[in-house]
PDB file of N, CA and C in Angstrom:
ATOM      1  N   MET A   1      36.294  39.745 -33.694  1.00  0.00           N
ATOM      2  CA  MET A   1      35.886  40.194 -35.005  1.00  0.00           C
ATOM      3  C   MET A   1      35.954  39.016 -35.980  1.00  0.00           C
ATOM      4  N   GLU A   2      34.947  38.908 -36.833  1.00  0.00           N
ATOM      5  CA  GLU A   2      34.905  37.835 -37.819  1.00  0.00           C
ATOM      6  C   GLU A   2      35.901  38.123 -38.946  1.00  0.00           C
ATOM      7  N   GLN A   3      36.251  37.079 -39.687  1.00  0.00           N
ATOM      8  CA  GLN A   3      37.193  37.213 -40.798  1.00  0.00           C
ATOM      9  C   GLN A   3      36.528  37.789 -42.043  1.00  0.00           C
ATOM     10  N   THR A   4      35.203  37.646 -42.153  1.00  0.00           N
ATOM     11  CA  THR A   4      34.467  38.124 -43.316  1.00  0.00           C
ATOM     12  C   THR A   4      33.055  38.518 -42.900  1.00  0.00           C
ATOM     13  N   VAL A   5      32.433  39.397 -43.665  1.00  0.00           N
ATOM     14  CA  VAL A   5      31.064  39.817 -43.332  1.00  0.00           C
ATOM     15  C   VAL A   5      30.021  38.813 -43.822  1.00  0.00           C
ATOM     16  N   PHE A   6      30.448  37.840 -44.616  1.00  0.00           N
ATOM     17  CA  PHE A   6      29.495  36.873 -45.159  1.00  0.00           C
ATOM     18  C   PHE A   6      28.931  35.920 -44.108  1.00  0.00           C
ATOM     19  N   VAL A   7      29.493  35.914 -42.931  1.00  0.00           N
ATOM     20  CA  VAL A   7      28.972  35.074 -41.853  1.00  0.00           C
ATOM     21  C   VAL A   7      28.179  35.890 -40.836  1.00  0.00           C
ATOM     22  N   GLU A   8      28.083  37.177 -41.032  1.00  0.00           N
ATOM     23  CA  GLU A   8      27.380  38.067 -40.107  1.00  0.00           C
ATOM     24  C   GLU A   8      25.871  38.010 -40.338  1.00  0.00           C
ATOM     25  N   LEU A   9      25.116  38.269 -39.296  1.00  0.00           N
ATOM     26  CA  LEU A   9      23.656  38.302 -39.373  1.00  0.00           C
ATOM     27  C   LEU A   9      23.186  39.360 -40.366  1.00  0.00           C
ATOM     28  N   GLN A  10      23.850  40.494 -40.406  1.00  0.00           N
ATOM     29  CA  GLN A  10      23.446  41.584 -41.301  1.00  0.00           C
ATOM     30  C   GLN A  10      23.486  41.146 -42.763  1.00  0.00           C
ATOM     31  N   PHE A  11      24.468  40.354 -43.129  1.00  0.00           N
ATOM     32  CA  PHE A  11      24.551  39.872 -44.513  1.00  0.00           C
ATOM     33  C   PHE A  11      23.357  38.986 -44.847  1.00  0.00           C
ATOM     34  N   TRP A  12      23.014  38.086 -43.945  1.00  0.00           N
ATOM     35  CA  TRP A  12      21.892  37.179 -44.202  1.00  0.00           C
ATOM     36  C   TRP A  12      20.557  37.915 -44.157  1.00  0.00           C
ATOM     37  N   LEU A  13      20.461  38.958 -43.346  1.00  0.00           N
ATOM     38  CA  LEU A  13      19.258  39.800 -43.384  1.00  0.00           C
ATOM     39  C   LEU A  13      19.151  40.531 -44.715  1.00  0.00           C
ATOM     40  N   LEU A  14      20.294  40.972 -45.241  1.00  0.00           N
ATOM     41  CA  LEU A  14      20.294  41.621 -46.555  1.00  0.00           C
ATOM     42  C   LEU A  14      19.799  40.665 -47.634  1.00  0.00           C
ATOM     43  N   VAL A  15      20.282  39.434 -47.611  1.00  0.00           N
ATOM     44  CA  VAL A  15      19.828  38.425 -48.578  1.00  0.00           C
ATOM     45  C   VAL A  15      18.339  38.169 -48.408  1.00  0.00           C
ATOM     46  N   LEU A  16      17.896  38.054 -47.171  1.00  0.00           N
ATOM     47  CA  LEU A  16      16.485  37.777 -46.896  1.00  0.00           C
ATOM     48  C   LEU A  16      15.588  38.902 -47.410  1.00  0.00           C
ATOM     49  N   PHE A  17      15.920  40.151 -47.061  1.00  0.00           N
ATOM     50  CA  PHE A  17      15.036  41.264 -47.398  1.00  0.00           C
ATOM     51  C   PHE A  17      15.291  41.865 -48.770  1.00  0.00           C
ATOM     52  N   SER A  18      16.345  41.444 -49.449  1.00  0.00           N
ATOM     53  CA  SER A  18      16.583  41.914 -50.809  1.00  0.00           C
ATOM     54  C   SER A  18      16.100  40.922 -51.855  1.00  0.00           C
ATOM     55  N   LEU A  19      16.144  39.656 -51.526  1.00  0.00           N
ATOM     56  CA  LEU A  19      15.818  38.634 -52.519  1.00  0.00           C
ATOM     57  C   LEU A  19      14.647  37.747 -52.120  1.00  0.00           C
ATOM     58  N   ILE A  20      14.743  37.100 -50.991  1.00  0.00           N
ATOM     59  CA  ILE A  20      13.779  36.057 -50.645  1.00  0.00           C
ATOM     60  C   ILE A  20      12.389  36.620 -50.370  1.00  0.00           C
ATOM     61  N   VAL A  21      12.282  37.607 -49.491  1.00  0.00           N
ATOM     62  CA  VAL A  21      10.968  38.170 -49.152  1.00  0.00           C
ATOM     63  C   VAL A  21      10.327  38.885 -50.351  1.00  0.00           C
ATOM     64  N   PRO A  22      11.054  39.727 -51.108  1.00  0.00           N
ATOM     65  CA  PRO A  22      10.408  40.351 -52.270  1.00  0.00           C
ATOM     66  C   PRO A  22       9.933  39.344 -53.315  1.00  0.00           C
ATOM     67  N   VAL A  23      10.706  38.292 -53.558  1.00  0.00           N
ATOM     68  CA  VAL A  23      10.274  37.259 -54.508  1.00  0.00           C
ATOM     69  C   VAL A  23       9.009  36.562 -53.988  1.00  0.00           C
ATOM     70  N   ALA A  24       8.964  36.294 -52.700  1.00  0.00           N
ATOM     71  CA  ALA A  24       7.767  35.670 -52.110  1.00  0.00           C
ATOM     72  C   ALA A  24       6.559  36.595 -52.225  1.00  0.00           C
ATOM     73  N   ILE A  25       6.764  37.887 -52.022  1.00  0.00           N
ATOM     74  CA  ILE A  25       5.656  38.850 -52.149  1.00  0.00           C
ATOM     75  C   ILE A  25       5.153  38.907 -53.585  1.00  0.00           C
ATOM     76  N   VAL A  26       6.067  38.983 -54.542  1.00  0.00           N
ATOM     77  CA  VAL A  26       5.663  39.044 -55.950  1.00  0.00           C
ATOM     78  C   VAL A  26       4.963  37.754 -56.352  1.00  0.00           C
ATOM     79  N   TRP A  27       5.487  36.616 -55.922  1.00  0.00           N
ATOM     80  CA  TRP A  27       4.850  35.345 -56.245  1.00  0.00           C
ATOM     81  C   TRP A  27       3.436  35.285 -55.672  1.00  0.00           C
ATOM     82  N   THR A  28       3.280  35.744 -54.442  1.00  0.00           N
ATOM     83  CA  THR A  28       1.958  35.769 -53.813  1.00  0.00           C
ATOM     84  C   THR A  28       1.008  36.678 -54.586  1.00  0.00           C
ATOM     85  N   CYS A  29       1.497  37.832 -55.002  1.00  0.00           N
ATOM     86  CA  CYS A  29       0.646  38.759 -55.758  1.00  0.00           C
ATOM     87  C   CYS A  29       0.227  38.174 -57.103  1.00  0.00           C
ATOM     88  N   LEU A  30       1.136  37.463 -57.744  1.00  0.00           N
ATOM     89  CA  LEU A  30       0.824  36.888 -59.052  1.00  0.00           C
ATOM     90  C   LEU A  30      -0.098  35.685 -58.972  1.00  0.00           C
ATOM     91  N   THR A  31      -0.106  35.006 -57.841  1.00  0.00           N
ATOM     92  CA  THR A  31      -0.950  33.814 -57.721  1.00  0.00           C
ATOM     93  C   THR A  31      -2.259  34.073 -56.975  1.00  0.00           C
ATOM     94  N   ALA A  32      -2.384  35.208 -56.338  1.00  0.00           N
ATOM     95  CA  ALA A  32      -3.611  35.509 -55.578  1.00  0.00           C
ATOM     96  C   ALA A  32      -4.747  35.831 -56.538  1.00  0.00           C
ATOM     97  N   ARG A  33      -5.914  35.340 -56.226  1.00  0.00           N
ATOM     98  CA  ARG A  33      -7.086  35.610 -57.061  1.00  0.00           C
ATOM     99  C   ARG A  33      -7.746  36.939 -56.699  1.00  0.00           C
ATOM    100  N   ALA A  34      -7.665  37.310 -55.440  1.00  0.00           N
ATOM    101  CA  ALA A  34      -8.279  38.559 -54.991  1.00  0.00           C
ATOM    102  C   ALA A  34      -7.475  39.113 -53.819  1.00  0.00           C
ATOM    103  N   LEU A  35      -7.280  40.424 -53.841  1.00  0.00           N
ATOM    104  CA  LEU A  35      -6.585  41.109 -52.757  1.00  0.00           C
ATOM    105  C   LEU A  35      -7.374  42.361 -52.397  1.00  0.00           C
ATOM    106  N   SER A  36      -7.475  42.634 -51.129  1.00  0.00           N
ATOM    107  CA  SER A  36      -8.163  43.851 -50.715  1.00  0.00           C
ATOM    108  C   SER A  36      -7.256  45.050 -50.950  1.00  0.00           C
ATOM    109  N   ARG A  37      -7.866  46.193 -50.983  1.00  0.00           N
ATOM    110  CA  ARG A  37      -7.115  47.437 -51.175  1.00  0.00           C
ATOM    111  C   ARG A  37      -6.124  47.646 -50.032  1.00  0.00           C
ATOM    112  N   LEU A  38      -6.530  47.314 -48.832  1.00  0.00           N
ATOM    113  CA  LEU A  38      -5.658  47.460 -47.668  1.00  0.00           C
ATOM    114  C   LEU A  38      -4.449  46.522 -47.767  1.00  0.00           C
ATOM    115  N   THR A  39      -4.657  45.314 -48.275  1.00  0.00           N
ATOM    116  CA  THR A  39      -3.554  44.377 -48.455  1.00  0.00           C
ATOM    117  C   THR A  39      -2.568  44.884 -49.489  1.00  0.00           C
ATOM    118  N   VAL A  40      -3.078  45.412 -50.585  1.00  0.00           N
ATOM    119  CA  VAL A  40      -2.203  45.957 -51.634  1.00  0.00           C
ATOM    120  C   VAL A  40      -1.418  47.145 -51.087  1.00  0.00           C
ATOM    121  N   LEU A  41      -2.066  47.982 -50.302  1.00  0.00           N
ATOM    122  CA  LEU A  41      -1.371  49.109 -49.681  1.00  0.00           C
ATOM    123  C   LEU A  41      -0.270  48.621 -48.745  1.00  0.00           C
ATOM    124  N   ALA A  42      -0.553  47.601 -47.963  1.00  0.00           N
ATOM    125  CA  ALA A  42       0.447  47.036 -47.048  1.00  0.00           C
ATOM    126  C   ALA A  42       1.624  46.454 -47.825  1.00  0.00           C
ATOM    127  N   ILE A  43       1.358  45.831 -48.945  1.00  0.00           N
ATOM    128  CA  ILE A  43       2.430  45.283 -49.778  1.00  0.00           C
ATOM    129  C   ILE A  43       3.320  46.413 -50.294  1.00  0.00           C
ATOM    130  N   GLY A  44       2.714  47.473 -50.805  1.00  0.00           N
ATOM    131  CA  GLY A  44       3.489  48.597 -51.316  1.00  0.00           C
ATOM    132  C   GLY A  44       4.342  49.245 -50.244  1.00  0.00           C
ATOM    133  N   LEU A  45       3.749  49.482 -49.100  1.00  0.00           N
ATOM    134  CA  LEU A  45       4.508  50.113 -48.010  1.00  0.00           C
ATOM    135  C   LEU A  45       5.593  49.195 -47.461  1.00  0.00           C
ATOM    136  N   SER A  46       5.339  47.897 -47.444  1.00  0.00           N
ATOM    137  CA  SER A  46       6.370  46.970 -46.967  1.00  0.00           C
ATOM    138  C   SER A  46       7.546  46.907 -47.938  1.00  0.00           C
ATOM    139  N   LEU A  47       7.295  47.024 -49.231  1.00  0.00           N
ATOM    140  CA  LEU A  47       8.393  47.054 -50.200  1.00  0.00           C
ATOM    141  C   LEU A  47       9.254  48.304 -50.011  1.00  0.00           C
ATOM    142  N   VAL A  48       8.618  49.430 -49.748  1.00  0.00           N
ATOM    143  CA  VAL A  48       9.370  50.660 -49.499  1.00  0.00           C
ATOM    144  C   VAL A  48      10.180  50.532 -48.201  1.00  0.00           C
ATOM    145  N   ALA A  49       9.576  49.966 -47.176  1.00  0.00           N
ATOM    146  CA  ALA A  49      10.283  49.782 -45.903  1.00  0.00           C
ATOM    147  C   ALA A  49      11.462  48.818 -46.062  1.00  0.00           C
ATOM    148  N   MET A  50      11.264  47.751 -46.826  1.00  0.00           N
ATOM    149  CA  MET A  50      12.359  46.808 -47.058  1.00  0.00           C
ATOM    150  C   MET A  50      13.505  47.474 -47.807  1.00  0.00           C
ATOM    151  N   ALA A  51      13.182  48.344 -48.745  1.00  0.00           N
ATOM    152  CA  ALA A  51      14.228  49.049 -49.481  1.00  0.00           C
ATOM    153  C   ALA A  51      15.044  49.928 -48.540  1.00  0.00           C
ATOM    154  N   GLY A  52      14.384  50.617 -47.643  1.00  0.00           N
ATOM    155  CA  GLY A  52      15.095  51.430 -46.664  1.00  0.00           C
ATOM    156  C   GLY A  52      15.972  50.593 -45.751  1.00  0.00           C
ATOM    157  N   PHE A  53      15.465  49.453 -45.319  1.00  0.00           N
ATOM    158  CA  PHE A  53      16.236  48.553 -44.459  1.00  0.00           C
ATOM    159  C   PHE A  53      17.440  47.995 -45.218  1.00  0.00           C
ATOM    160  N   ASP A  54      17.246  47.689 -46.514  1.00  0.00           N
ATOM    161  CA  ASP A  54      18.359  47.207 -47.332  1.00  0.00           C
ATOM    162  C   ASP A  54      19.461  48.256 -47.445  1.00  0.00           C
ATOM    163  N   LEU A  55      19.081  49.508 -47.611  1.00  0.00           N
ATOM    164  CA  LEU A  55      20.087  50.572 -47.693  1.00  0.00           C
ATOM    165  C   LEU A  55      20.881  50.670 -46.392  1.00  0.00           C
ATOM    166  N   TYR A  56      20.187  50.572 -45.292  1.00  0.00           N
ATOM    167  CA  TYR A  56      20.850  50.586 -43.987  1.00  0.00           C
ATOM    168  C   TYR A  56      21.834  49.420 -43.880  1.00  0.00           C
ATOM    169  N   LEU A  57      21.385  48.216 -44.243  1.00  0.00           N
ATOM    170  CA  LEU A  57      22.250  47.042 -44.159  1.00  0.00           C
ATOM    171  C   LEU A  57      23.453  47.161 -45.086  1.00  0.00           C
ATOM    172  N   LEU A  58      23.261  47.725 -46.265  1.00  0.00           N
ATOM    173  CA  LEU A  58      24.386  47.915 -47.183  1.00  0.00           C
ATOM    174  C   LEU A  58      25.430  48.859 -46.587  1.00  0.00           C
ATOM    175  N   GLN A  59      24.969  49.907 -45.926  1.00  0.00           N
ATOM    176  CA  GLN A  59      25.900  50.832 -45.283  1.00  0.00           C
ATOM    177  C   GLN A  59      26.665  50.143 -44.150  1.00  0.00           C
ATOM    178  N   VAL A  60      25.969  49.378 -43.337  1.00  0.00           N
ATOM    179  CA  VAL A  60      26.602  48.667 -42.223  1.00  0.00           C
ATOM    180  C   VAL A  60      27.617  47.656 -42.753  1.00  0.00           C
ATOM    181  N   LEU A  61      27.229  46.902 -43.765  1.00  0.00           N
ATOM    182  CA  LEU A  61      28.134  45.889 -44.310  1.00  0.00           C
ATOM    183  C   LEU A  61      29.343  46.518 -44.989  1.00  0.00           C
ATOM    184  N   SER A  62      29.164  47.647 -45.614  1.00  0.00           N
ATOM    185  CA  SER A  62      30.291  48.349 -46.227  1.00  0.00           C
ATOM    186  C   SER A  62      31.306  48.771 -45.168  1.00  0.00           C
ATOM    187  N   ARG A  63      30.809  49.292 -44.074  1.00  0.00           N
ATOM    188  CA  ARG A  63      31.684  49.695 -42.969  1.00  0.00           C
ATOM    189  C   ARG A  63      32.375  48.479 -42.356  1.00  0.00           C
ATOM    190  N   MET A  64      31.633  47.409 -42.176  1.00  0.00           N
ATOM    191  CA  MET A  64      32.206  46.200 -41.587  1.00  0.00           C
ATOM    192  C   MET A  64      33.240  45.564 -42.524  1.00  0.00           C
ATOM    193  N   ALA A  65      33.002  45.617 -43.833  1.00  0.00           N
ATOM    194  CA  ALA A  65      33.924  45.013 -44.797  1.00  0.00           C
ATOM    195  C   ALA A  65      35.286  45.695 -44.758  1.00  0.00           C
ATOM    196  N   LYS A  66      35.302  46.979 -44.468  1.00  0.00           N
ATOM    197  CA  LYS A  66      36.572  47.699 -44.389  1.00  0.00           C
ATOM    198  C   LYS A  66      37.409  47.238 -43.203  1.00  0.00           C
ATOM    199  N   GLU A  67      36.760  46.725 -42.174  1.00  0.00           N
ATOM    200  CA  GLU A  67      37.455  46.325 -40.954  1.00  0.00           C
ATOM    201  C   GLU A  67      37.895  44.869 -40.944  1.00  0.00           C
ATOM    202  N   THR A  68      37.428  44.066 -41.886  1.00  0.00           N
ATOM    203  CA  THR A  68      37.793  42.646 -41.907  1.00  0.00           C
ATOM    204  C   THR A  68      39.030  42.431 -42.775  1.00  0.00           C
ATOM    205  N   PRO A  69      39.792  41.386 -42.492  1.00  0.00           N
ATOM    206  CA  PRO A  69      40.979  41.108 -43.306  1.00  0.00           C
ATOM    207  C   PRO A  69      40.661  40.469 -44.658  1.00  0.00           C
ATOM    208  N   SER A  70      39.453  39.985 -44.860  1.00  0.00           N
ATOM    209  CA  SER A  70      39.075  39.306 -46.102  1.00  0.00           C
ATOM    210  C   SER A  70      38.999  40.301 -47.255  1.00  0.00           C
ATOM    211  N   THR A  71      39.481  39.885 -48.409  1.00  0.00           N
ATOM    212  CA  THR A  71      39.382  40.738 -49.600  1.00  0.00           C
ATOM    213  C   THR A  71      38.129  40.426 -50.406  1.00  0.00           C
ATOM    214  N   ALA A  72      37.503  39.275 -50.141  1.00  0.00           N
ATOM    215  CA  ALA A  72      36.287  38.916 -50.873  1.00  0.00           C
ATOM    216  C   ALA A  72      35.144  39.854 -50.533  1.00  0.00           C
ATOM    217  N   ASP A  73      34.967  40.172 -49.262  1.00  0.00           N
ATOM    218  CA  ASP A  73      33.886  41.085 -48.905  1.00  0.00           C
ATOM    219  C   ASP A  73      34.220  42.516 -49.306  1.00  0.00           C
ATOM    220  N   ASP A  74      35.512  42.868 -49.324  1.00  0.00           N
ATOM    221  CA  ASP A  74      35.899  44.197 -49.827  1.00  0.00           C
ATOM    222  C   ASP A  74      35.529  44.337 -51.297  1.00  0.00           C
ATOM    223  N   ALA A  75      35.718  43.260 -52.058  1.00  0.00           N
ATOM    224  CA  ALA A  75      35.404  43.300 -53.484  1.00  0.00           C
ATOM    225  C   ALA A  75      33.917  43.520 -53.725  1.00  0.00           C
ATOM    226  N   LEU A  76      33.080  43.083 -52.807  1.00  0.00           N
ATOM    227  CA  LEU A  76      31.633  43.223 -52.985  1.00  0.00           C
ATOM    228  C   LEU A  76      31.080  44.484 -52.346  1.00  0.00           C
ATOM    229  N   PHE A  77      31.502  44.789 -51.130  1.00  0.00           N
ATOM    230  CA  PHE A  77      30.892  45.885 -50.381  1.00  0.00           C
ATOM    231  C   PHE A  77      31.719  47.165 -50.339  1.00  0.00           C
ATOM    232  N   ASP A  78      32.937  47.128 -50.828  1.00  0.00           N
ATOM    233  CA  ASP A  78      33.794  48.312 -50.765  1.00  0.00           C
ATOM    234  C   ASP A  78      34.477  48.551 -52.116  1.00  0.00           C
ATOM    235  N   SER A  79      33.673  48.470 -53.194  1.00  0.00           N
ATOM    236  CA  SER A  79      34.222  48.674 -54.530  1.00  0.00           C
ATOM    237  C   SER A  79      33.133  49.229 -55.437  1.00  0.00           C
ATOM    238  N   GLU A  80      33.431  49.254 -56.716  1.00  0.00           N
ATOM    239  CA  GLU A  80      32.462  49.765 -57.691  1.00  0.00           C
ATOM    240  C   GLU A  80      31.255  48.845 -57.831  1.00  0.00           C
ATOM    241  N   ILE A  81      31.410  47.590 -57.487  1.00  0.00           N
ATOM    242  CA  ILE A  81      30.303  46.621 -57.575  1.00  0.00           C
ATOM    243  C   ILE A  81      29.182  47.016 -56.617  1.00  0.00           C
ATOM    244  N   THR A  82      29.516  47.747 -55.572  1.00  0.00           N
ATOM    245  CA  THR A  82      28.528  48.169 -54.582  1.00  0.00           C
ATOM    246  C   THR A  82      27.388  48.950 -55.227  1.00  0.00           C
ATOM    247  N   ILE A  83      27.698  49.693 -56.277  1.00  0.00           N
ATOM    248  CA  ILE A  83      26.652  50.462 -56.974  1.00  0.00           C
ATOM    249  C   ILE A  83      25.561  49.530 -57.476  1.00  0.00           C
ATOM    250  N   GLY A  84      25.947  48.375 -57.972  1.00  0.00           N
ATOM    251  CA  GLY A  84      24.963  47.391 -58.424  1.00  0.00           C
ATOM    252  C   GLY A  84      24.090  46.883 -57.303  1.00  0.00           C
ATOM    253  N   LEU A  85      24.658  46.783 -56.113  1.00  0.00           N
ATOM    254  CA  LEU A  85      23.877  46.317 -54.965  1.00  0.00           C
ATOM    255  C   LEU A  85      22.802  47.327 -54.561  1.00  0.00           C
ATOM    256  N   TYR A  86      23.021  48.595 -54.867  1.00  0.00           N
ATOM    257  CA  TYR A  86      22.047  49.627 -54.533  1.00  0.00           C
ATOM    258  C   TYR A  86      20.886  49.672 -55.524  1.00  0.00           C
ATOM    259  N   LEU A  87      21.013  48.992 -56.658  1.00  0.00           N
ATOM    260  CA  LEU A  87      19.926  48.994 -57.635  1.00  0.00           C
ATOM    261  C   LEU A  87      18.720  48.194 -57.160  1.00  0.00           C
ATOM    262  N   LEU A  88      18.942  47.132 -56.439  1.00  0.00           N
ATOM    263  CA  LEU A  88      17.819  46.312 -55.968  1.00  0.00           C
ATOM    264  C   LEU A  88      16.934  47.056 -54.971  1.00  0.00           C
ATOM    265  N   PRO A  89      17.493  47.744 -53.970  1.00  0.00           N
ATOM    266  CA  PRO A  89      16.616  48.547 -53.114  1.00  0.00           C
ATOM    267  C   PRO A  89      15.907  49.666 -53.877  1.00  0.00           C
ATOM    268  N   ALA A  90      16.573  50.229 -54.872  1.00  0.00           N
ATOM    269  CA  ALA A  90      15.920  51.263 -55.684  1.00  0.00           C
ATOM    270  C   ALA A  90      14.737  50.672 -56.448  1.00  0.00           C
ATOM    271  N   LEU A  91      14.900  49.469 -56.966  1.00  0.00           N
ATOM    272  CA  LEU A  91      13.806  48.788 -57.661  1.00  0.00           C
ATOM    273  C   LEU A  91      12.663  48.475 -56.704  1.00  0.00           C
ATOM    274  N   LEU A  92      12.993  47.957 -55.529  1.00  0.00           N
ATOM    275  CA  LEU A  92      11.962  47.655 -54.535  1.00  0.00           C
ATOM    276  C   LEU A  92      11.193  48.908 -54.130  1.00  0.00           C
ATOM    277  N   ALA A  93      11.922  49.988 -53.894  1.00  0.00           N
ATOM    278  CA  ALA A  93      11.268  51.242 -53.513  1.00  0.00           C
ATOM    279  C   ALA A  93      10.392  51.758 -54.641  1.00  0.00           C
ATOM    280  N   GLY A  94      10.879  51.675 -55.866  1.00  0.00           N
ATOM    281  CA  GLY A  94      10.091  52.142 -57.010  1.00  0.00           C
ATOM    282  C   GLY A  94       8.796  51.367 -57.179  1.00  0.00           C
ATOM    283  N   VAL A  95       8.882  50.056 -57.082  1.00  0.00           N
ATOM    284  CA  VAL A  95       7.671  49.225 -57.191  1.00  0.00           C
ATOM    285  C   VAL A  95       6.741  49.510 -56.020  1.00  0.00           C
ATOM    286  N   GLY A  96       7.296  49.629 -54.820  1.00  0.00           N
ATOM    287  CA  GLY A  96       6.468  49.921 -53.649  1.00  0.00           C
ATOM    288  C   GLY A  96       5.749  51.252 -53.757  1.00  0.00           C
ATOM    289  N   VAL A  97       6.443  52.273 -54.246  1.00  0.00           N
ATOM    290  CA  VAL A  97       5.815  53.588 -54.427  1.00  0.00           C
ATOM    291  C   VAL A  97       4.729  53.518 -55.493  1.00  0.00           C
ATOM    292  N   ASN A  98       4.974  52.784 -56.578  1.00  0.00           N
ATOM    293  CA  ASN A  98       3.955  52.651 -57.625  1.00  0.00           C
ATOM    294  C   ASN A  98       2.715  51.917 -57.119  1.00  0.00           C
ATOM    295  N   VAL A  99       2.913  50.865 -56.351  1.00  0.00           N
ATOM    296  CA  VAL A  99       1.774  50.120 -55.801  1.00  0.00           C
ATOM    297  C   VAL A  99       0.990  51.002 -54.836  1.00  0.00           C
ATOM    298  N   THR A 100       1.693  51.715 -53.977  1.00  0.00           N
ATOM    299  CA  THR A 100       1.035  52.612 -53.026  1.00  0.00           C
ATOM    300  C   THR A 100       0.291  53.728 -53.750  1.00  0.00           C
ATOM    301  N   SER A 101       0.903  54.294 -54.784  1.00  0.00           N
ATOM    302  CA  SER A 101       0.250  55.347 -55.569  1.00  0.00           C
ATOM    303  C   SER A 101      -0.997  54.823 -56.264  1.00  0.00           C
ATOM    304  N   PHE A 102      -0.923  53.600 -56.779  1.00  0.00           N
ATOM    305  CA  PHE A 102      -2.078  53.001 -57.440  1.00  0.00           C
ATOM    306  C   PHE A 102      -3.258  52.893 -56.482  1.00  0.00           C
ATOM    307  N   VAL A 103      -2.997  52.423 -55.270  1.00  0.00           N
ATOM    308  CA  VAL A 103      -4.067  52.288 -54.277  1.00  0.00           C
ATOM    309  C   VAL A 103      -4.638  53.654 -53.928  1.00  0.00           C
ATOM    310  N   LEU A 104      -3.785  54.631 -53.736  1.00  0.00           N
ATOM    311  CA  LEU A 104      -4.249  55.976 -53.388  1.00  0.00           C
ATOM    312  C   LEU A 104      -5.071  56.592 -54.522  1.00  0.00           C
ATOM    313  N   ILE A 105      -4.614  56.472 -55.748  1.00  0.00           N
ATOM    314  CA  ILE A 105      -5.346  57.024 -56.890  1.00  0.00           C
ATOM    315  C   ILE A 105      -6.683  56.327 -57.060  1.00  0.00           C
ATOM    316  N   GLN A 106      -6.690  55.006 -56.889  1.00  0.00           N
ATOM    317  CA  GLN A 106      -7.945  54.257 -57.006  1.00  0.00           C
ATOM    318  C   GLN A 106      -8.929  54.683 -55.917  1.00  0.00           C
ATOM    319  N   HIS A 107      -8.441  54.859 -54.714  1.00  0.00           N
ATOM    320  CA  HIS A 107      -9.310  55.289 -53.619  1.00  0.00           C
ATOM    321  C   HIS A 107      -9.873  56.688 -53.883  1.00  0.00           C
ATOM    322  N   LEU A 108      -9.024  57.596 -54.330  1.00  0.00           N
ATOM    323  CA  LEU A 108      -9.490  58.961 -54.598  1.00  0.00           C
ATOM    324  C   LEU A 108     -10.471  59.004 -55.764  1.00  0.00           C
ATOM    325  N   THR A 109     -10.260  58.175 -56.771  1.00  0.00           N
ATOM    326  CA  THR A 109     -11.201  58.108 -57.893  1.00  0.00           C
ATOM    327  C   THR A 109     -12.553  57.585 -57.425  1.00  0.00           C
ATOM    328  N   ASP A 110     -12.560  56.561 -56.600  1.00  0.00           N
ATOM    329  CA  ASP A 110     -13.815  56.034 -56.054  1.00  0.00           C
ATOM    330  C   ASP A 110     -14.512  57.077 -55.184  1.00  0.00           C
ATOM    331  N   ALA A 111     -13.747  57.795 -54.374  1.00  0.00           N
ATOM    332  CA  ALA A 111     -14.337  58.831 -53.516  1.00  0.00           C
ATOM    333  C   ALA A 111     -14.932  59.960 -54.362  1.00  0.00           C
ATOM    334  N   GLN A 112     -14.266  60.308 -55.434  1.00  0.00           N
ATOM    335  CA  GLN A 112     -14.783  61.356 -56.314  1.00  0.00           C
ATOM    336  C   GLN A 112     -16.075  60.898 -57.000  1.00  0.00           C
ATOM    337  N   GLN A 113     -16.125  59.664 -57.426  1.00  0.00           N
ATOM    338  CA  GLN A 113     -17.343  59.137 -58.044  1.00  0.00           C
ATOM    339  C   GLN A 113     -18.490  59.099 -57.049  1.00  0.00           C
ATOM    340  N   ARG A 114     -18.223  58.739 -55.792  1.00  0.00           N
ATOM    341  CA  ARG A 114     -19.269  58.762 -54.763  1.00  0.00           C
ATOM    342  C   ARG A 114     -19.768  60.185 -54.528  1.00  0.00           C
ATOM    343  N   PHE A 115     -18.869  61.138 -54.532  1.00  0.00           N
ATOM    344  CA  PHE A 115     -19.247  62.536 -54.347  1.00  0.00           C
ATOM    345  C   PHE A 115     -20.166  62.990 -55.477  1.00  0.00           C
ATOM    346  N   PHE A 116     -19.799  62.659 -56.714  1.00  0.00           N
ATOM    347  CA  PHE A 116     -20.612  63.077 -57.855  1.00  0.00           C
ATOM    348  C   PHE A 116     -21.987  62.408 -57.850  1.00  0.00           C
ATOM    349  N   ARG A 117     -22.062  61.173 -57.383  1.00  0.00           N
ATOM    350  CA  ARG A 117     -23.357  60.496 -57.297  1.00  0.00           C
ATOM    351  C   ARG A 117     -24.249  61.160 -56.269  1.00  0.00           C
ATOM    352  N   ARG A 118     -23.665  61.604 -55.157  1.00  0.00           N
ATOM    353  CA  ARG A 118     -24.459  62.256 -54.093  1.00  0.00           C
ATOM    354  C   ARG A 118     -24.854  63.688 -54.460  1.00  0.00           C
ATOM    355  N   HIS A 119     -23.936  64.438 -54.984  1.00  0.00           N
ATOM    356  CA  HIS A 119     -24.149  65.868 -55.183  1.00  0.00           C
ATOM    357  C   HIS A 119     -24.366  66.245 -56.654  1.00  0.00           C
ATOM    358  N   GLY A 120     -24.258  65.320 -57.534  1.00  0.00           N
ATOM    359  CA  GLY A 120     -24.401  65.641 -58.952  1.00  0.00           C
ATOM    360  C   GLY A 120     -23.177  66.376 -59.461  1.00  0.00           C
ATOM    361  N   GLU A 121     -23.064  66.415 -60.755  1.00  0.00           N
ATOM    362  CA  GLU A 121     -21.937  67.096 -61.403  1.00  0.00           C
ATOM    363  C   GLU A 121     -22.153  68.590 -61.308  1.00  0.00           C
ATOM    364  N   GLU A 122     -21.215  69.285 -60.643  1.00  0.00           N
ATOM    365  CA  GLU A 122     -21.376  70.740 -60.473  1.00  0.00           C
ATOM    366  C   GLU A 122     -20.301  71.484 -61.199  1.00  0.00           C
TER     367      GLU A 122
END
């Protein structure tokens, strides 16, 4: 057993999927000149999936922190500060759901306009 969870793979996956990958996705979205609807949908769904994975990792790390002798990881993963760690996955999920909803609403609006062009306003 390790002395702290900060050296575990799960901790580094949490850092990767909570901070590094979402920042890279947002940076890509802000610098891209054109994105297809399918790409935007994939971005939204990947943000929601990352949020779910982050929640899983937070639960695993919380359990692991209780078993290690280190008090530093207990202070982060087994205390009131843990609530703050859950805000980032909530933010990722919220943005992902909004992006996915935007794509769905845009698609349905386009489909409705095509219907009205074919069949006229009834």
